Amino acid sequence: MLPNCPTLPPGEPGMSAVSIRSVGADRGPAFYRLALACAQALWCRGLPAQAILMLNRAFSADLTGAEAVLLEHPPPYRALRWILENRAEEHFLGNPRRHFQHLATRMSGPRAEVRTWRAWACWRIARLARPEDPADEVQLAQDGSVEPDDETIDEKLAALGWPGEAEAWRGAFADP
């Protein structure tokens, strides 16, 4: 078992993506907290790529921003950076930059616009933490997609995200 990510709530050792089913269709505070706890459990088992997928799920929570869970556990941008910078070389990670690029450019479903900007925010953190990871230039060219600048990401998170989300994202750029 690896040490806990300091910005995520504790998770039970056996938790996995399947654990999310326990909240049913509800995507509220319990879902958000459970997704974060599952990310922690997966991280501790040496599964950083799966932990990041659980952070994606947390970002899809249907919250207004007034929920106490967001005060206790702010949007997990710092957790993403911590996972990217602290994973062991032998633990599969893939290319997070490409993952978040694809997520941002192919988003659909409920709250797609804000979730797109959260994916771009995570993409920017991945670029910071792992500058060696290349973009999917072919996909960008084929789709005509443009990678946004920090100012645009910040503005979109401030306008569309939970209260304080843009600040939480900027906080991920501070020295750990």
C-alpha atoms as a PDB file:
ATOM      1  CA  MET A   1       0.000   0.000   0.000  1.00  0.00           C
ATOM      2  CA  LEU A   2       1.198   3.477  -0.877  1.00  0.00           C
ATOM      3  CA  PRO A   3       0.858   6.451   1.471  1.00  0.00           C
ATOM      4  CA  ASN A   4      -2.380   8.436   1.199  1.00  0.00           C
ATOM      5  CA  CYS A   5      -2.683  11.397  -1.128  1.00  0.00           C
ATOM      6  CA  PRO A   6      -2.824  14.256   1.410  1.00  0.00           C
ATOM      7  CA  THR A   7      -5.701  16.084  -0.292  1.00  0.00           C
ATOM      8  CA  LEU A   8      -8.115  13.169  -0.677  1.00  0.00           C
ATOM      9  CA  PRO A   9     -10.372  11.617   1.972  1.00  0.00           C
ATOM     10  CA  PRO A  10      -9.494   8.134   3.226  1.00  0.00           C
ATOM     11  CA  GLY A  11     -10.683   5.193   1.185  1.00  0.00           C
ATOM     12  CA  GLU A  12     -11.298   1.590   2.135  1.00  0.00           C
ATOM     13  CA  PRO A  13      -8.699  -0.831   0.720  1.00  0.00           C
ATOM     14  CA  GLY A  14     -11.178  -2.797  -1.408  1.00  0.00           C
ATOM     15  CA  MET A  15     -12.860   0.207  -3.027  1.00  0.00           C
ATOM     16  CA  SER A  16     -12.967   0.417  -6.813  1.00  0.00           C
ATOM     17  CA  ALA A  17     -15.024   2.021  -9.553  1.00  0.00           C
ATOM     18  CA  VAL A  18     -17.752  -0.519  -8.786  1.00  0.00           C
ATOM     19  CA  SER A  19     -18.103   1.032  -5.313  1.00  0.00           C
ATOM     20  CA  ILE A  20     -19.720   4.090  -6.907  1.00  0.00           C
ATOM     21  CA  ARG A  21     -22.807   1.998  -7.695  1.00  0.00           C
ATOM     22  CA  SER A  22     -23.754   2.085  -4.009  1.00  0.00           C
ATOM     23  CA  VAL A  23     -25.191   5.608  -4.430  1.00  0.00           C
ATOM     24  CA  GLY A  24     -27.355   4.621  -7.392  1.00  0.00           C
ATOM     25  CA  ALA A  25     -28.255   7.352  -9.849  1.00  0.00           C
ATOM     26  CA  ASP A  26     -27.652  10.161  -7.336  1.00  0.00           C
ATOM     27  CA  ARG A  27     -24.740  12.345  -8.408  1.00  0.00           C
ATOM     28  CA  GLY A  28     -24.816  14.606  -5.362  1.00  0.00           C
ATOM     29  CA  PRO A  29     -22.579  14.983  -2.293  1.00  0.00           C
ATOM     30  CA  ALA A  30     -22.421  11.260  -1.435  1.00  0.00           C
ATOM     31  CA  PHE A  31     -21.327  10.473  -4.995  1.00  0.00           C
ATOM     32  CA  TYR A  32     -18.640  13.186  -4.898  1.00  0.00           C
ATOM     33  CA  ARG A  33     -17.229  12.041  -1.560  1.00  0.00           C
ATOM     34  CA  LEU A  34     -17.305   8.386  -2.638  1.00  0.00           C
ATOM     35  CA  ALA A  35     -15.537   9.140  -5.935  1.00  0.00           C
ATOM     36  CA  LEU A  36     -12.765  10.916  -4.013  1.00  0.00           C
ATOM     37  CA  ALA A  37     -12.474   8.051  -1.503  1.00  0.00           C
ATOM     38  CA  CYS A  38     -12.321   5.533  -4.363  1.00  0.00           C
ATOM     39  CA  ALA A  39      -9.571   7.604  -5.994  1.00  0.00           C
ATOM     40  CA  GLN A  40      -7.620   7.413  -2.731  1.00  0.00           C
ATOM     41  CA  ALA A  41      -8.087   3.639  -2.440  1.00  0.00           C
ATOM     42  CA  LEU A  42      -6.990   3.080  -6.040  1.00  0.00           C
ATOM     43  CA  TRP A  43      -3.984   5.362  -5.577  1.00  0.00           C
ATOM     44  CA  CYS A  44      -2.936   3.465  -2.448  1.00  0.00           C
ATOM     45  CA  ARG A  45      -3.071   0.192  -4.399  1.00  0.00           C
ATOM     46  CA  GLY A  46      -0.645   1.577  -6.990  1.00  0.00           C
ATOM     47  CA  LEU A  47      -3.270   2.303  -9.640  1.00  0.00           C
ATOM     48  CA  PRO A  48      -2.763   6.002 -10.458  1.00  0.00           C
ATOM     49  CA  ALA A  49      -4.504   5.871 -13.857  1.00  0.00           C
ATOM     50  CA  GLN A  50      -7.638   4.397 -12.264  1.00  0.00           C
ATOM     51  CA  ALA A  51      -7.411   6.942  -9.448  1.00  0.00           C
ATOM     52  CA  ILE A  52      -7.424   9.729 -12.039  1.00  0.00           C
ATOM     53  CA  LEU A  53     -10.502   8.208 -13.672  1.00  0.00           C
ATOM     54  CA  MET A  54     -12.223   8.431 -10.284  1.00  0.00           C
ATOM     55  CA  LEU A  55     -11.234  12.101 -10.029  1.00  0.00           C
ATOM     56  CA  ASN A  56     -12.946  12.520 -13.418  1.00  0.00           C
ATOM     57  CA  ARG A  57     -16.070  11.009 -11.862  1.00  0.00           C
ATOM     58  CA  ALA A  58     -15.865  13.412  -8.900  1.00  0.00           C
ATOM     59  CA  PHE A  59     -15.712  16.337 -11.329  1.00  0.00           C
ATOM     60  CA  SER A  60     -18.972  15.099 -12.871  1.00  0.00           C
ATOM     61  CA  ALA A  61     -20.891  15.421  -9.583  1.00  0.00           C
ATOM     62  CA  ASP A  62     -24.102  17.411  -9.735  1.00  0.00           C
ATOM     63  CA  LEU A  63     -23.433  19.933  -6.974  1.00  0.00           C
ATOM     64  CA  THR A  64     -24.544  23.542  -6.601  1.00  0.00           C
ATOM     65  CA  GLY A  65     -21.382  24.589  -4.808  1.00  0.00           C
ATOM     66  CA  ALA A  66     -23.099  25.196  -1.477  1.00  0.00           C
ATOM     67  CA  GLU A  67     -22.625  21.635  -0.229  1.00  0.00           C
ATOM     68  CA  ALA A  68     -20.498  21.126   2.879  1.00  0.00           C
ATOM     69  CA  VAL A  69     -18.564  18.362   1.113  1.00  0.00           C
ATOM     70  CA  LEU A  70     -16.925  20.982  -1.145  1.00  0.00           C
ATOM     71  CA  LEU A  71     -15.677  22.894   1.883  1.00  0.00           C
ATOM     72  CA  GLU A  72     -14.268  19.707   3.374  1.00  0.00           C
ATOM     73  CA  HIS A  73     -12.952  18.392   0.048  1.00  0.00           C
ATOM     74  CA  PRO A  74     -12.427  21.149  -2.554  1.00  0.00           C
ATOM     75  CA  PRO A  75     -12.336  20.257  -6.253  1.00  0.00           C
ATOM     76  CA  PRO A  76      -9.465  17.758  -6.539  1.00  0.00           C
ATOM     77  CA  TYR A  77      -7.085  19.707  -8.753  1.00  0.00           C
ATOM     78  CA  ARG A  78      -4.294  19.504  -6.147  1.00  0.00           C
ATOM     79  CA  ALA A  79      -4.921  15.769  -5.784  1.00  0.00           C
ATOM     80  CA  LEU A  80      -4.481  15.338  -9.533  1.00  0.00           C
ATOM     81  CA  ARG A  81      -1.158  17.139  -9.500  1.00  0.00           C
ATOM     82  CA  TRP A  82      -0.015  15.177  -6.444  1.00  0.00           C
ATOM     83  CA  ILE A  83      -0.882  11.840  -8.088  1.00  0.00           C
ATOM     84  CA  LEU A  84       0.866  12.823 -11.320  1.00  0.00           C
ATOM     85  CA  GLU A  85       4.019  13.879  -9.491  1.00  0.00           C
ATOM     86  CA  ASN A  86       4.168  11.073  -6.922  1.00  0.00           C
ATOM     87  CA  ARG A  87       3.364   7.905  -8.798  1.00  0.00           C
ATOM     88  CA  ALA A  88       6.022   5.238  -9.031  1.00  0.00           C
ATOM     89  CA  GLU A  89       7.495   4.645 -12.469  1.00  0.00           C
ATOM     90  CA  GLU A  90       6.288   1.030 -12.490  1.00  0.00           C
ATOM     91  CA  HIS A  91       2.656   2.074 -11.935  1.00  0.00           C
ATOM     92  CA  PHE A  92       0.789   2.570 -15.211  1.00  0.00           C
ATOM     93  CA  LEU A  93      -0.283   6.116 -15.904  1.00  0.00           C
ATOM     94  CA  GLY A  94      -0.563   6.434 -19.663  1.00  0.00           C
ATOM     95  CA  ASN A  95      -0.505   9.941 -21.111  1.00  0.00           C
ATOM     96  CA  PRO A  96      -2.683  12.171 -18.898  1.00  0.00           C
ATOM     97  CA  ARG A  97      -2.280  15.157 -21.204  1.00  0.00           C
ATOM     98  CA  ARG A  98      -3.748  13.200 -24.100  1.00  0.00           C
ATOM     99  CA  HIS A  99      -6.437  11.683 -21.860  1.00  0.00           C
ATOM    100  CA  PHE A 100      -7.698  15.093 -20.728  1.00  0.00           C
ATOM    101  CA  GLN A 101      -7.403  16.537 -24.251  1.00  0.00           C
ATOM    102  CA  HIS A 102      -9.649  13.754 -25.548  1.00  0.00           C
ATOM    103  CA  LEU A 103     -12.029  14.145 -22.621  1.00  0.00           C
ATOM    104  CA  ALA A 104     -12.323  17.904 -23.174  1.00  0.00           C
ATOM    105  CA  THR A 105     -12.856  17.682 -26.924  1.00  0.00           C
ATOM    106  CA  ARG A 106     -15.373  14.829 -26.804  1.00  0.00           C
ATOM    107  CA  MET A 107     -17.471  15.740 -23.779  1.00  0.00           C
ATOM    108  CA  SER A 108     -21.186  14.978 -23.793  1.00  0.00           C
ATOM    109  CA  GLY A 109     -23.933  14.316 -21.291  1.00  0.00           C
ATOM    110  CA  PRO A 110     -25.165  16.324 -18.313  1.00  0.00           C
ATOM    111  CA  ARG A 111     -23.358  19.605 -17.591  1.00  0.00           C
ATOM    112  CA  ALA A 112     -21.095  19.022 -20.611  1.00  0.00           C
ATOM    113  CA  GLU A 113     -19.867  22.621 -20.829  1.00  0.00           C
ATOM    114  CA  VAL A 114     -18.537  22.889 -17.277  1.00  0.00           C
ATOM    115  CA  ARG A 115     -17.173  19.346 -17.439  1.00  0.00           C
ATOM    116  CA  THR A 116     -15.336  20.280 -20.651  1.00  0.00           C
ATOM    117  CA  TRP A 117     -13.630  23.167 -18.871  1.00  0.00           C
ATOM    118  CA  ARG A 118     -12.772  20.969 -15.902  1.00  0.00           C
ATOM    119  CA  ALA A 119     -11.138  18.549 -18.334  1.00  0.00           C
ATOM    120  CA  TRP A 120      -9.148  21.419 -19.847  1.00  0.00           C
ATOM    121  CA  ALA A 121      -8.150  22.511 -16.331  1.00  0.00           C
ATOM    122  CA  CYS A 122      -6.894  18.985 -15.622  1.00  0.00           C
ATOM    123  CA  TRP A 123      -5.145  18.940 -19.005  1.00  0.00           C
ATOM    124  CA  ARG A 124      -3.230  22.058 -17.968  1.00  0.00           C
ATOM    125  CA  ILE A 125      -2.197  20.449 -14.674  1.00  0.00           C
ATOM    126  CA  ALA A 126      -1.038  17.371 -16.591  1.00  0.00           C
ATOM    127  CA  ARG A 127       1.095  19.625 -18.812  1.00  0.00           C
ATOM    128  CA  LEU A 128       2.641  21.192 -15.711  1.00  0.00           C
ATOM    129  CA  ALA A 129       3.310  17.908 -13.945  1.00  0.00           C
ATOM    130  CA  ARG A 130       4.392  15.908 -16.992  1.00  0.00           C
ATOM    131  CA  PRO A 131       5.700  18.309 -19.663  1.00  0.00           C
ATOM    132  CA  GLU A 132       7.234  15.415 -21.582  1.00  0.00           C
ATOM    133  CA  ASP A 133       3.826  13.952 -22.489  1.00  0.00           C
ATOM    134  CA  PRO A 134       2.854  14.914 -26.046  1.00  0.00           C
ATOM    135  CA  ALA A 135      -0.511  16.178 -27.209  1.00  0.00           C
ATOM    136  CA  ASP A 136      -2.527  14.238 -29.765  1.00  0.00           C
ATOM    137  CA  GLU A 137      -1.628  16.590 -32.601  1.00  0.00           C
ATOM    138  CA  VAL A 138      -3.486  14.488 -35.170  1.00  0.00           C
ATOM    139  CA  GLN A 139      -6.747  14.751 -33.239  1.00  0.00           C
ATOM    140  CA  LEU A 140      -6.293  18.496 -32.713  1.00  0.00           C
ATOM    141  CA  ALA A 141      -5.712  19.022 -36.436  1.00  0.00           C
ATOM    142  CA  GLN A 142      -8.563  16.767 -37.548  1.00  0.00           C
ATOM    143  CA  ASP A 143     -11.081  18.309 -35.139  1.00  0.00           C
ATOM    144  CA  GLY A 144      -9.783  21.852 -35.470  1.00  0.00           C
ATOM    145  CA  SER A 145      -9.548  21.945 -31.688  1.00  0.00           C
ATOM    146  CA  VAL A 146      -7.449  24.596 -29.993  1.00  0.00           C
ATOM    147  CA  GLU A 147      -5.772  24.079 -26.636  1.00  0.00           C
ATOM    148  CA  PRO A 148      -6.968  26.931 -24.403  1.00  0.00           C
ATOM    149  CA  ASP A 149      -4.747  29.308 -22.474  1.00  0.00           C
ATOM    150  CA  ASP A 150      -4.763  29.583 -18.684  1.00  0.00           C
ATOM    151  CA  GLU A 151      -6.771  32.809 -18.694  1.00  0.00           C
ATOM    152  CA  THR A 152      -9.602  31.208 -20.669  1.00  0.00           C
ATOM    153  CA  ILE A 153      -9.666  28.137 -18.424  1.00  0.00           C
ATOM    154  CA  ASP A 154      -9.734  30.361 -15.350  1.00  0.00           C
ATOM    155  CA  GLU A 155     -12.555  32.517 -16.742  1.00  0.00           C
ATOM    156  CA  LYS A 156     -14.653  29.493 -17.696  1.00  0.00           C
ATOM    157  CA  LEU A 157     -14.195  27.803 -14.309  1.00  0.00           C
ATOM    158  CA  ALA A 158     -15.104  31.063 -12.552  1.00  0.00           C
ATOM    159  CA  ALA A 159     -18.226  31.498 -14.693  1.00  0.00           C
ATOM    160  CA  LEU A 160     -19.430  27.889 -14.894  1.00  0.00           C
ATOM    161  CA  GLY A 161     -17.856  25.994 -12.003  1.00  0.00           C
ATOM    162  CA  TRP A 162     -18.604  25.691  -8.333  1.00  0.00           C
ATOM    163  CA  PRO A 163     -17.951  28.789  -6.187  1.00  0.00           C
ATOM    164  CA  GLY A 164     -14.214  28.920  -5.531  1.00  0.00           C
ATOM    165  CA  GLU A 165     -13.399  26.339  -8.193  1.00  0.00           C
ATOM    166  CA  ALA A 166     -11.188  28.646 -10.245  1.00  0.00           C
ATOM    167  CA  GLU A 167      -9.231  29.453  -7.084  1.00  0.00           C
ATOM    168  CA  ALA A 168      -8.895  25.739  -6.296  1.00  0.00           C
ATOM    169  CA  TRP A 169      -7.548  25.172  -9.813  1.00  0.00           C
ATOM    170  CA  ARG A 170      -5.048  28.031  -9.495  1.00  0.00           C
ATOM    171  CA  GLY A 171      -4.004  26.570  -6.119  1.00  0.00           C
ATOM    172  CA  ALA A 172      -2.824  23.424  -7.883  1.00  0.00           C
ATOM    173  CA  PHE A 173      -0.077  25.501  -9.493  1.00  0.00           C
ATOM    174  CA  ALA A 174       1.375  26.586  -6.160  1.00  0.00           C
ATOM    175  CA  ASP A 175       4.442  24.773  -4.941  1.00  0.00           C
ATOM    176  CA  PRO A 176       3.321  21.527  -3.310  1.00  0.00           C
END
